[in-house]
PDB file of N, CA and C in Angstrom:
ATOM      1  N   MET A   1      12.574  -1.893  -0.634  1.00  0.00           N
ATOM      2  CA  MET A   1      11.361  -1.138  -0.868  1.00  0.00           C
ATOM      3  C   MET A   1      10.408  -2.037  -1.651  1.00  0.00           C
ATOM      4  N   PHE A   2       9.138  -1.927  -1.339  1.00  0.00           N
ATOM      5  CA  PHE A   2       8.109  -2.695  -2.024  1.00  0.00           C
ATOM      6  C   PHE A   2       7.030  -1.773  -2.571  1.00  0.00           C
ATOM      7  N   ILE A   3       6.501  -2.149  -3.720  1.00  0.00           N
ATOM      8  CA  ILE A   3       5.301  -1.527  -4.254  1.00  0.00           C
ATOM      9  C   ILE A   3       4.164  -2.487  -3.926  1.00  0.00           C
ATOM     10  N   VAL A   4       3.209  -2.022  -3.152  1.00  0.00           N
ATOM     11  CA  VAL A   4       2.022  -2.801  -2.825  1.00  0.00           C
ATOM     12  C   VAL A   4       0.920  -2.286  -3.743  1.00  0.00           C
ATOM     13  N   SER A   5       0.440  -3.159  -4.617  1.00  0.00           N
ATOM     14  CA  SER A   5      -0.601  -2.788  -5.569  1.00  0.00           C
ATOM     15  C   SER A   5      -1.903  -3.452  -5.155  1.00  0.00           C
ATOM     16  N   LEU A   6      -2.900  -2.633  -4.862  1.00  0.00           N
ATOM     17  CA  LEU A   6      -4.228  -3.122  -4.498  1.00  0.00           C
ATOM     18  C   LEU A   6      -5.152  -2.983  -5.702  1.00  0.00           C
ATOM     19  N   THR A   7      -5.918  -4.031  -5.987  1.00  0.00           N
ATOM     20  CA  THR A   7      -6.889  -4.015  -7.069  1.00  0.00           C
ATOM     21  C   THR A   7      -8.241  -4.391  -6.486  1.00  0.00           C
ATOM     22  N   TYR A   8      -9.207  -3.485  -6.633  1.00  0.00           N
ATOM     23  CA  TYR A   8     -10.535  -3.730  -6.083  1.00  0.00           C
ATOM     24  C   TYR A   8     -11.202  -4.935  -6.745  1.00  0.00           C
ATOM     25  N   LYS A   9     -11.908  -5.721  -5.917  1.00  0.00           N
ATOM     26  CA  LYS A   9     -12.655  -6.897  -6.379  1.00  0.00           C
ATOM     27  C   LYS A   9     -14.153  -6.670  -6.284  1.00  0.00           C
ATOM     28  N   VAL A  10     -14.542  -5.517  -5.759  1.00  0.00           N
ATOM     29  CA  VAL A  10     -15.950  -5.217  -5.489  1.00  0.00           C
ATOM     30  C   VAL A  10     -16.268  -3.820  -6.003  1.00  0.00           C
ATOM     31  N   GLY A  11     -17.534  -3.471  -5.988  1.00  0.00           N
ATOM     32  CA  GLY A  11     -17.955  -2.148  -6.427  1.00  0.00           C
ATOM     33  C   GLY A  11     -17.470  -1.053  -5.495  1.00  0.00           C
ATOM     34  N   ILE A  12     -17.414   0.155  -6.026  1.00  0.00           N
ATOM     35  CA  ILE A  12     -16.883   1.299  -5.280  1.00  0.00           C
ATOM     36  C   ILE A  12     -17.694   1.578  -4.013  1.00  0.00           C
ATOM     37  N   GLU A  13     -18.979   1.254  -4.007  1.00  0.00           N
ATOM     38  CA  GLU A  13     -19.785   1.480  -2.814  1.00  0.00           C
ATOM     39  C   GLU A  13     -19.322   0.584  -1.656  1.00  0.00           C
ATOM     40  N   VAL A  14     -18.850  -0.605  -1.957  1.00  0.00           N
ATOM     41  CA  VAL A  14     -18.304  -1.500  -0.923  1.00  0.00           C
ATOM     42  C   VAL A  14     -16.939  -0.990  -0.482  1.00  0.00           C
ATOM     43  N   VAL A  15     -16.138  -0.526  -1.430  1.00  0.00           N
ATOM     44  CA  VAL A  15     -14.839   0.072  -1.105  1.00  0.00           C
ATOM     45  C   VAL A  15     -15.037   1.222  -0.120  1.00  0.00           C
ATOM     46  N   GLU A  16     -15.955   2.118  -0.437  1.00  0.00           N
ATOM     47  CA  GLU A  16     -16.221   3.275   0.412  1.00  0.00           C
ATOM     48  C   GLU A  16     -16.629   2.867   1.832  1.00  0.00           C
ATOM     49  N   ALA A  17     -17.343   1.764   1.961  1.00  0.00           N
ATOM     50  CA  ALA A  17     -17.790   1.302   3.277  1.00  0.00           C
ATOM     51  C   ALA A  17     -16.620   0.883   4.164  1.00  0.00           C
ATOM     52  N   HIS A  18     -15.491   0.527   3.560  1.00  0.00           N
ATOM     53  CA  HIS A  18     -14.319   0.074   4.311  1.00  0.00           C
ATOM     54  C   HIS A  18     -13.179   1.092   4.279  1.00  0.00           C
ATOM     55  N   LEU A  19     -13.405   2.241   3.672  1.00  0.00           N
ATOM     56  CA  LEU A  19     -12.344   3.220   3.462  1.00  0.00           C
ATOM     57  C   LEU A  19     -11.784   3.788   4.769  1.00  0.00           C
ATOM     58  N   ASP A  20     -12.632   4.107   5.734  1.00  0.00           N
ATOM     59  CA  ASP A  20     -12.140   4.678   6.995  1.00  0.00           C
ATOM     60  C   ASP A  20     -11.173   3.727   7.695  1.00  0.00           C
ATOM     61  N   ALA A  21     -11.507   2.437   7.718  1.00  0.00           N
ATOM     62  CA  ALA A  21     -10.629   1.451   8.352  1.00  0.00           C
ATOM     63  C   ALA A  21      -9.310   1.331   7.589  1.00  0.00           C
ATOM     64  N   HIS A  22      -9.380   1.370   6.266  1.00  0.00           N
ATOM     65  CA  HIS A  22      -8.170   1.296   5.438  1.00  0.00           C
ATOM     66  C   HIS A  22      -7.276   2.513   5.686  1.00  0.00           C
ATOM     67  N   VAL A  23      -7.860   3.701   5.741  1.00  0.00           N
ATOM     68  CA  VAL A  23      -7.091   4.926   5.981  1.00  0.00           C
ATOM     69  C   VAL A  23      -6.454   4.891   7.379  1.00  0.00           C
ATOM     70  N   ALA A  24      -7.169   4.398   8.370  1.00  0.00           N
ATOM     71  CA  ALA A  24      -6.598   4.271   9.720  1.00  0.00           C
ATOM     72  C   ALA A  24      -5.414   3.316   9.705  1.00  0.00           C
ATOM     73  N   TRP A  25      -5.524   2.228   8.950  1.00  0.00           N
ATOM     74  CA  TRP A  25      -4.423   1.268   8.805  1.00  0.00           C
ATOM     75  C   TRP A  25      -3.220   1.934   8.139  1.00  0.00           C
ATOM     76  N   LEU A  26      -3.470   2.717   7.083  1.00  0.00           N
ATOM     77  CA  LEU A  26      -2.385   3.445   6.424  1.00  0.00           C
ATOM     78  C   LEU A  26      -1.698   4.411   7.390  1.00  0.00           C
ATOM     79  N   LYS A  27      -2.490   5.190   8.128  1.00  0.00           N
ATOM     80  CA  LYS A  27      -1.922   6.157   9.075  1.00  0.00           C
ATOM     81  C   LYS A  27      -1.046   5.464  10.095  1.00  0.00           C
ATOM     82  N   ASP A  28      -1.463   4.303  10.564  1.00  0.00           N
ATOM     83  CA  ASP A  28      -0.646   3.526  11.498  1.00  0.00           C
ATOM     84  C   ASP A  28       0.673   3.122  10.833  1.00  0.00           C
ATOM     85  N   GLY A  29       0.597   2.726   9.562  1.00  0.00           N
ATOM     86  CA  GLY A  29       1.808   2.365   8.822  1.00  0.00           C
ATOM     87  C   GLY A  29       2.764   3.541   8.675  1.00  0.00           C
ATOM     88  N   TYR A  30       2.230   4.737   8.443  1.00  0.00           N
ATOM     89  CA  TYR A  30       3.076   5.930   8.364  1.00  0.00           C
ATOM     90  C   TYR A  30       3.706   6.234   9.717  1.00  0.00           C
ATOM     91  N   GLU A  31       2.922   6.148  10.779  1.00  0.00           N
ATOM     92  CA  GLU A  31       3.441   6.425  12.126  1.00  0.00           C
ATOM     93  C   GLU A  31       4.557   5.463  12.509  1.00  0.00           C
ATOM     94  N   LYS A  32       4.470   4.227  12.034  1.00  0.00           N
ATOM     95  CA  LYS A  32       5.489   3.208  12.336  1.00  0.00           C
ATOM     96  C   LYS A  32       6.677   3.277  11.384  1.00  0.00           C
ATOM     97  N   GLY A  33       6.627   4.171  10.383  1.00  0.00           N
ATOM     98  CA  GLY A  33       7.727   4.302   9.434  1.00  0.00           C
ATOM     99  C   GLY A  33       7.744   3.230   8.362  1.00  0.00           C
ATOM    100  N   ILE A  34       6.637   2.531   8.190  1.00  0.00           N
ATOM    101  CA  ILE A  34       6.542   1.475   7.180  1.00  0.00           C
ATOM    102  C   ILE A  34       6.148   2.051   5.828  1.00  0.00           C
ATOM    103  N   CYS A  35       5.116   2.881   5.806  1.00  0.00           N
ATOM    104  CA  CYS A  35       4.610   3.474   4.562  1.00  0.00           C
ATOM    105  C   CYS A  35       5.438   4.696   4.178  1.00  0.00           C
ATOM    106  N   VAL A  36       5.707   4.822   2.890  1.00  0.00           N
ATOM    107  CA  VAL A  36       6.477   5.939   2.353  1.00  0.00           C
ATOM    108  C   VAL A  36       5.574   6.877   1.556  1.00  0.00           C
ATOM    109  N   ALA A  37       4.668   6.302   0.772  1.00  0.00           N
ATOM    110  CA  ALA A  37       3.733   7.080  -0.047  1.00  0.00           C
ATOM    111  C   ALA A  37       2.571   6.166  -0.415  1.00  0.00           C
ATOM    112  N   SER A  38       1.413   6.773  -0.673  1.00  0.00           N
ATOM    113  CA  SER A  38       0.251   5.980  -1.060  1.00  0.00           C
ATOM    114  C   SER A  38      -0.728   6.842  -1.838  1.00  0.00           C
ATOM    115  N   GLY A  39      -1.565   6.177  -2.626  1.00  0.00           N
ATOM    116  CA  GLY A  39      -2.575   6.913  -3.375  1.00  0.00           C
ATOM    117  C   GLY A  39      -3.425   5.992  -4.219  1.00  0.00           C
ATOM    118  N   ARG A  40      -4.490   6.578  -4.769  1.00  0.00           N
ATOM    119  CA  ARG A  40      -5.426   5.845  -5.617  1.00  0.00           C
ATOM    120  C   ARG A  40      -4.868   5.666  -7.018  1.00  0.00           C
ATOM    121  N   LYS A  41      -5.239   4.550  -7.642  1.00  0.00           N
ATOM    122  CA  LYS A  41      -4.969   4.376  -9.061  1.00  0.00           C
ATOM    123  C   LYS A  41      -5.964   5.246  -9.829  1.00  0.00           C
ATOM    124  N   VAL A  42      -5.552   5.676 -11.015  1.00  0.00           N
ATOM    125  CA  VAL A  42      -6.423   6.450 -11.894  1.00  0.00           C
ATOM    126  C   VAL A  42      -6.487   5.699 -13.220  1.00  0.00           C
ATOM    127  N   PRO A  43      -7.671   5.206 -13.615  1.00  0.00           N
ATOM    128  CA  PRO A  43      -8.951   5.350 -12.943  1.00  0.00           C
ATOM    129  C   PRO A  43      -8.968   4.585 -11.623  1.00  0.00           C
ATOM    130  N   ARG A  44      -9.981   4.820 -10.809  1.00  0.00           N
ATOM    131  CA  ARG A  44     -10.041   4.305  -9.437  1.00  0.00           C
ATOM    132  C   ARG A  44     -10.387   2.815  -9.416  1.00  0.00           C
ATOM    133  N   THR A  45      -9.366   2.004  -9.675  1.00  0.00           N
ATOM    134  CA  THR A  45      -9.514   0.547  -9.676  1.00  0.00           C
ATOM    135  C   THR A  45      -8.770  -0.094  -8.517  1.00  0.00           C
ATOM    136  N   GLY A  46      -8.158   0.724  -7.668  1.00  0.00           N
ATOM    137  CA  GLY A  46      -7.368   0.231  -6.544  1.00  0.00           C
ATOM    138  C   GLY A  46      -6.444   1.318  -6.053  1.00  0.00           C
ATOM    139  N   GLY A  47      -5.319   0.904  -5.497  1.00  0.00           N
ATOM    140  CA  GLY A  47      -4.354   1.861  -4.974  1.00  0.00           C
ATOM    141  C   GLY A  47      -2.952   1.299  -5.001  1.00  0.00           C
ATOM    142  N   VAL A  48      -1.982   2.170  -4.709  1.00  0.00           N
ATOM    143  CA  VAL A  48      -0.573   1.797  -4.668  1.00  0.00           C
ATOM    144  C   VAL A  48       0.030   2.382  -3.401  1.00  0.00           C
ATOM    145  N   ILE A  49       0.860   1.570  -2.732  1.00  0.00           N
ATOM    146  CA  ILE A  49       1.537   2.010  -1.514  1.00  0.00           C
ATOM    147  C   ILE A  49       3.015   1.665  -1.649  1.00  0.00           C
ATOM    148  N   LEU A  50       3.900   2.614  -1.371  1.00  0.00           N
ATOM    149  CA  LEU A  50       5.332   2.328  -1.263  1.00  0.00           C
ATOM    150  C   LEU A  50       5.602   1.991   0.193  1.00  0.00           C
ATOM    151  N   VAL A  51       6.219   0.838   0.417  1.00  0.00           N
ATOM    152  CA  VAL A  51       6.434   0.319   1.763  1.00  0.00           C
ATOM    153  C   VAL A  51       7.894  -0.089   1.914  1.00  0.00           C
ATOM    154  N   ARG A  52       8.457   0.227   3.087  1.00  0.00           N
ATOM    155  CA  ARG A  52       9.837  -0.215   3.351  1.00  0.00           C
ATOM    156  C   ARG A  52       9.822  -1.313   4.407  1.00  0.00           C
ATOM    157  N   GLY A  53      10.768  -2.236   4.260  1.00  0.00           N
ATOM    158  CA  GLY A  53      10.891  -3.348   5.195  1.00  0.00           C
ATOM    159  C   GLY A  53      11.299  -4.604   4.458  1.00  0.00           C
ATOM    160  N   ASP A  54      11.479  -5.686   5.205  1.00  0.00           N
ATOM    161  CA  ASP A  54      11.813  -6.953   4.546  1.00  0.00           C
ATOM    162  C   ASP A  54      10.521  -7.643   4.097  1.00  0.00           C
ATOM    163  N   ARG A  55      10.665  -8.640   3.239  1.00  0.00           N
ATOM    164  CA  ARG A  55       9.500  -9.283   2.623  1.00  0.00           C
ATOM    165  C   ARG A  55       8.536  -9.836   3.668  1.00  0.00           C
ATOM    166  N   GLU A  56       9.047 -10.506   4.676  1.00  0.00           N
ATOM    167  CA  GLU A  56       8.184 -11.108   5.694  1.00  0.00           C
ATOM    168  C   GLU A  56       7.325 -10.046   6.387  1.00  0.00           C
ATOM    169  N   MET A  57       7.950  -8.936   6.765  1.00  0.00           N
ATOM    170  CA  MET A  57       7.222  -7.865   7.444  1.00  0.00           C
ATOM    171  C   MET A  57       6.195  -7.227   6.509  1.00  0.00           C
ATOM    172  N   VAL A  58       6.589  -6.979   5.260  1.00  0.00           N
ATOM    173  CA  VAL A  58       5.691  -6.336   4.297  1.00  0.00           C
ATOM    174  C   VAL A  58       4.506  -7.248   3.983  1.00  0.00           C
ATOM    175  N   GLU A  59       4.752  -8.549   3.855  1.00  0.00           N
ATOM    176  CA  GLU A  59       3.646  -9.488   3.625  1.00  0.00           C
ATOM    177  C   GLU A  59       2.672  -9.464   4.799  1.00  0.00           C
ATOM    178  N   ALA A  60       3.188  -9.491   6.015  1.00  0.00           N
ATOM    179  CA  ALA A  60       2.323  -9.460   7.199  1.00  0.00           C
ATOM    180  C   ALA A  60       1.562  -8.144   7.275  1.00  0.00           C
ATOM    181  N   PHE A  61       2.239  -7.039   7.014  1.00  0.00           N
ATOM    182  CA  PHE A  61       1.598  -5.729   7.035  1.00  0.00           C
ATOM    183  C   PHE A  61       0.480  -5.666   6.004  1.00  0.00           C
ATOM    184  N   SER A  62       0.751  -6.126   4.794  1.00  0.00           N
ATOM    185  CA  SER A  62      -0.239  -6.083   3.711  1.00  0.00           C
ATOM    186  C   SER A  62      -1.459  -6.937   4.038  1.00  0.00           C
ATOM    187  N   LYS A  63      -1.240  -8.086   4.641  1.00  0.00           N
ATOM    188  CA  LYS A  63      -2.356  -8.964   5.005  1.00  0.00           C
ATOM    189  C   LYS A  63      -3.221  -8.371   6.105  1.00  0.00           C
ATOM    190  N   SER A  64      -2.708  -7.376   6.830  1.00  0.00           N
ATOM    191  CA  SER A  64      -3.486  -6.754   7.900  1.00  0.00           C
ATOM    192  C   SER A  64      -4.331  -5.570   7.405  1.00  0.00           C
ATOM    193  N   ASP A  65      -4.256  -5.258   6.112  1.00  0.00           N
ATOM    194  CA  ASP A  65      -5.062  -4.185   5.515  1.00  0.00           C
ATOM    195  C   ASP A  65      -6.534  -4.584   5.568  1.00  0.00           C
ATOM    196  N   PRO A  66      -7.400  -3.743   6.136  1.00  0.00           N
ATOM    197  CA  PRO A  66      -8.826  -4.064   6.157  1.00  0.00           C
ATOM    198  C   PRO A  66      -9.403  -4.369   4.775  1.00  0.00           C
ATOM    199  N   PHE A  67      -8.897  -3.742   3.738  1.00  0.00           N
ATOM    200  CA  PHE A  67      -9.360  -4.057   2.384  1.00  0.00           C
ATOM    201  C   PHE A  67      -9.087  -5.522   2.046  1.00  0.00           C
ATOM    202  N   VAL A  68      -7.929  -6.028   2.456  1.00  0.00           N
ATOM    203  CA  VAL A  68      -7.561  -7.421   2.192  1.00  0.00           C
ATOM    204  C   VAL A  68      -8.360  -8.346   3.103  1.00  0.00           C
ATOM    205  N   ILE A  69      -8.425  -8.025   4.378  1.00  0.00           N
ATOM    206  CA  ILE A  69      -9.145  -8.860   5.340  1.00  0.00           C
ATOM    207  C   ILE A  69     -10.607  -9.024   4.942  1.00  0.00           C
ATOM    208  N   GLU A  70     -11.236  -7.939   4.499  1.00  0.00           N
ATOM    209  CA  GLU A  70     -12.668  -7.952   4.162  1.00  0.00           C
ATOM    210  C   GLU A  70     -12.948  -8.389   2.722  1.00  0.00           C
ATOM    211  N   GLY A  71     -11.900  -8.752   1.962  1.00  0.00           N
ATOM    212  CA  GLY A  71     -12.101  -9.221   0.597  1.00  0.00           C
ATOM    213  C   GLY A  71     -12.437  -8.122  -0.398  1.00  0.00           C
ATOM    214  N   VAL A  72     -12.107  -6.889  -0.045  1.00  0.00           N
ATOM    215  CA  VAL A  72     -12.387  -5.741  -0.915  1.00  0.00           C
ATOM    216  C   VAL A  72     -11.381  -5.655  -2.060  1.00  0.00           C
ATOM    217  N   ALA A  73     -10.118  -6.037  -1.789  1.00  0.00           N
ATOM    218  CA  ALA A  73      -9.060  -5.878  -2.796  1.00  0.00           C
ATOM    219  C   ALA A  73      -8.082  -7.043  -2.757  1.00  0.00           C
ATOM    220  N   ASP A  74      -7.540  -7.356  -3.927  1.00  0.00           N
ATOM    221  CA  ASP A  74      -6.394  -8.249  -4.024  1.00  0.00           C
ATOM    222  C   ASP A  74      -5.140  -7.419  -3.836  1.00  0.00           C
ATOM    223  N   CYS A  75      -4.093  -8.045  -3.351  1.00  0.00           N
ATOM    224  CA  CYS A  75      -2.847  -7.345  -3.051  1.00  0.00           C
ATOM    225  C   CYS A  75      -1.691  -8.048  -3.752  1.00  0.00           C
ATOM    226  N   GLU A  76      -0.886  -7.271  -4.464  1.00  0.00           N
ATOM    227  CA  GLU A  76       0.305  -7.811  -5.131  1.00  0.00           C
ATOM    228  C   GLU A  76       1.521  -7.025  -4.656  1.00  0.00           C
ATOM    229  N   LEU A  77       2.594  -7.739  -4.314  1.00  0.00           N
ATOM    230  CA  LEU A  77       3.834  -7.109  -3.854  1.00  0.00           C
ATOM    231  C   LEU A  77       4.896  -7.205  -4.943  1.00  0.00           C
ATOM    232  N   THR A  78       5.591  -6.091  -5.166  1.00  0.00           N
ATOM    233  CA  THR A  78       6.727  -6.059  -6.082  1.00  0.00           C
ATOM    234  C   THR A  78       7.898  -5.437  -5.335  1.00  0.00           C
ATOM    235  N   GLU A  79       8.976  -6.192  -5.195  1.00  0.00           N
ATOM    236  CA  GLU A  79      10.157  -5.650  -4.532  1.00  0.00           C
ATOM    237  C   GLU A  79      10.973  -4.849  -5.537  1.00  0.00           C
ATOM    238  N   VAL A  80      11.448  -3.683  -5.099  1.00  0.00           N
ATOM    239  CA  VAL A  80      12.211  -2.789  -5.963  1.00  0.00           C
ATOM    240  C   VAL A  80      13.462  -2.346  -5.227  1.00  0.00           C
ATOM    241  N   ASP A  81      14.585  -2.349  -5.935  1.00  0.00           N
ATOM    242  CA  ASP A  81      15.841  -1.823  -5.392  1.00  0.00           C
ATOM    243  C   ASP A  81      16.194  -0.607  -6.242  1.00  0.00           C
ATOM    244  N   PHE A  82      15.642   0.554  -5.863  1.00  0.00           N
ATOM    245  CA  PHE A  82      15.891   1.771  -6.626  1.00  0.00           C
ATOM    246  C   PHE A  82      17.370   2.117  -6.588  1.00  0.00           C
ATOM    247  N   SER A  83      17.955   2.374  -7.752  1.00  0.00           N
ATOM    248  CA  SER A  83      19.368   2.745  -7.827  1.00  0.00           C
ATOM    249  C   SER A  83      19.556   4.227  -8.154  1.00  0.00           C
ATOM    250  N   MET A  84      18.507   4.865  -8.654  1.00  0.00           N
ATOM    251  CA  MET A  84      18.555   6.291  -8.954  1.00  0.00           C
ATOM    252  C   MET A  84      17.272   6.934  -8.460  1.00  0.00           C
ATOM    253  N   ALA A  85      17.368   8.223  -8.087  1.00  0.00           N
ATOM    254  CA  ALA A  85      16.191   8.953  -7.634  1.00  0.00           C
ATOM    255  C   ALA A  85      16.409  10.438  -7.877  1.00  0.00           C
ATOM    256  N   ALA A  86      15.329  11.152  -8.160  1.00  0.00           N
ATOM    257  CA  ALA A  86      15.391  12.592  -8.360  1.00  0.00           C
ATOM    258  C   ALA A  86      15.733  13.300  -7.045  1.00  0.00           C
ATOM    259  N   ASP A  87      16.215  14.529  -7.151  1.00  0.00           N
ATOM    260  CA  ASP A  87      16.519  15.327  -5.961  1.00  0.00           C
ATOM    261  C   ASP A  87      15.299  15.347  -5.045  1.00  0.00           C
ATOM    262  N   GLY A  88      15.540  15.102  -3.778  1.00  0.00           N
ATOM    263  CA  GLY A  88      14.482  15.091  -2.787  1.00  0.00           C
ATOM    264  C   GLY A  88      13.889  13.707  -2.557  1.00  0.00           C
ATOM    265  N   PHE A  89      14.219  12.743  -3.411  1.00  0.00           N
ATOM    266  CA  PHE A  89      13.693  11.384  -3.278  1.00  0.00           C
ATOM    267  C   PHE A  89      14.799  10.363  -3.009  1.00  0.00           C
ATOM    268  N   GLU A  90      15.936  10.820  -2.554  1.00  0.00           N
ATOM    269  CA  GLU A  90      17.077   9.936  -2.312  1.00  0.00           C
ATOM    270  C   GLU A  90      16.760   8.822  -1.322  1.00  0.00           C
ATOM    271  N   ALA A  91      15.836   9.065  -0.403  1.00  0.00           N
ATOM    272  CA  ALA A  91      15.487   8.058   0.605  1.00  0.00           C
ATOM    273  C   ALA A  91      14.870   6.807  -0.013  1.00  0.00           C
ATOM    274  N   LEU A  92      14.439   6.880  -1.275  1.00  0.00           N
ATOM    275  CA  LEU A  92      13.874   5.702  -1.940  1.00  0.00           C
ATOM    276  C   LEU A  92      14.944   4.710  -2.329  1.00  0.00           C
ATOM    277  N   LYS A  93      16.177   5.161  -2.483  1.00  0.00           N
ATOM    278  CA  LYS A  93      17.249   4.271  -2.922  1.00  0.00           C
ATOM    279  C   LYS A  93      17.616   3.316  -1.798  1.00  0.00           C
ATOM    280  N   GLY A  94      17.839   2.057  -2.214  1.00  0.00           N
ATOM    281  CA  GLY A  94      18.181   1.009  -1.249  1.00  0.00           C
ATOM    282  C   GLY A  94      19.611   1.061  -0.901  1.00  0.00           C
TER     283      GLY A  94
END
């Protein structure tokens, strides 16, 4: 499992201009079973996505994000091997 952390490099008005493409990319990731959960950081400085797969696939997937392609956000990957999870979240464990 990977935590994909996006940090905006531009103003929110530029982020908004690319949001539809980013959301379409996320939906494709969910349909393919890659994305597990996603959401905005609070305050709104970027976003976080839980992604499953091996490092090579996750790196390629992350680089295909319109936010990354268009220079809207930097992307950082953190690999996590969850060993415990609350009831209902067992699928997060590796």
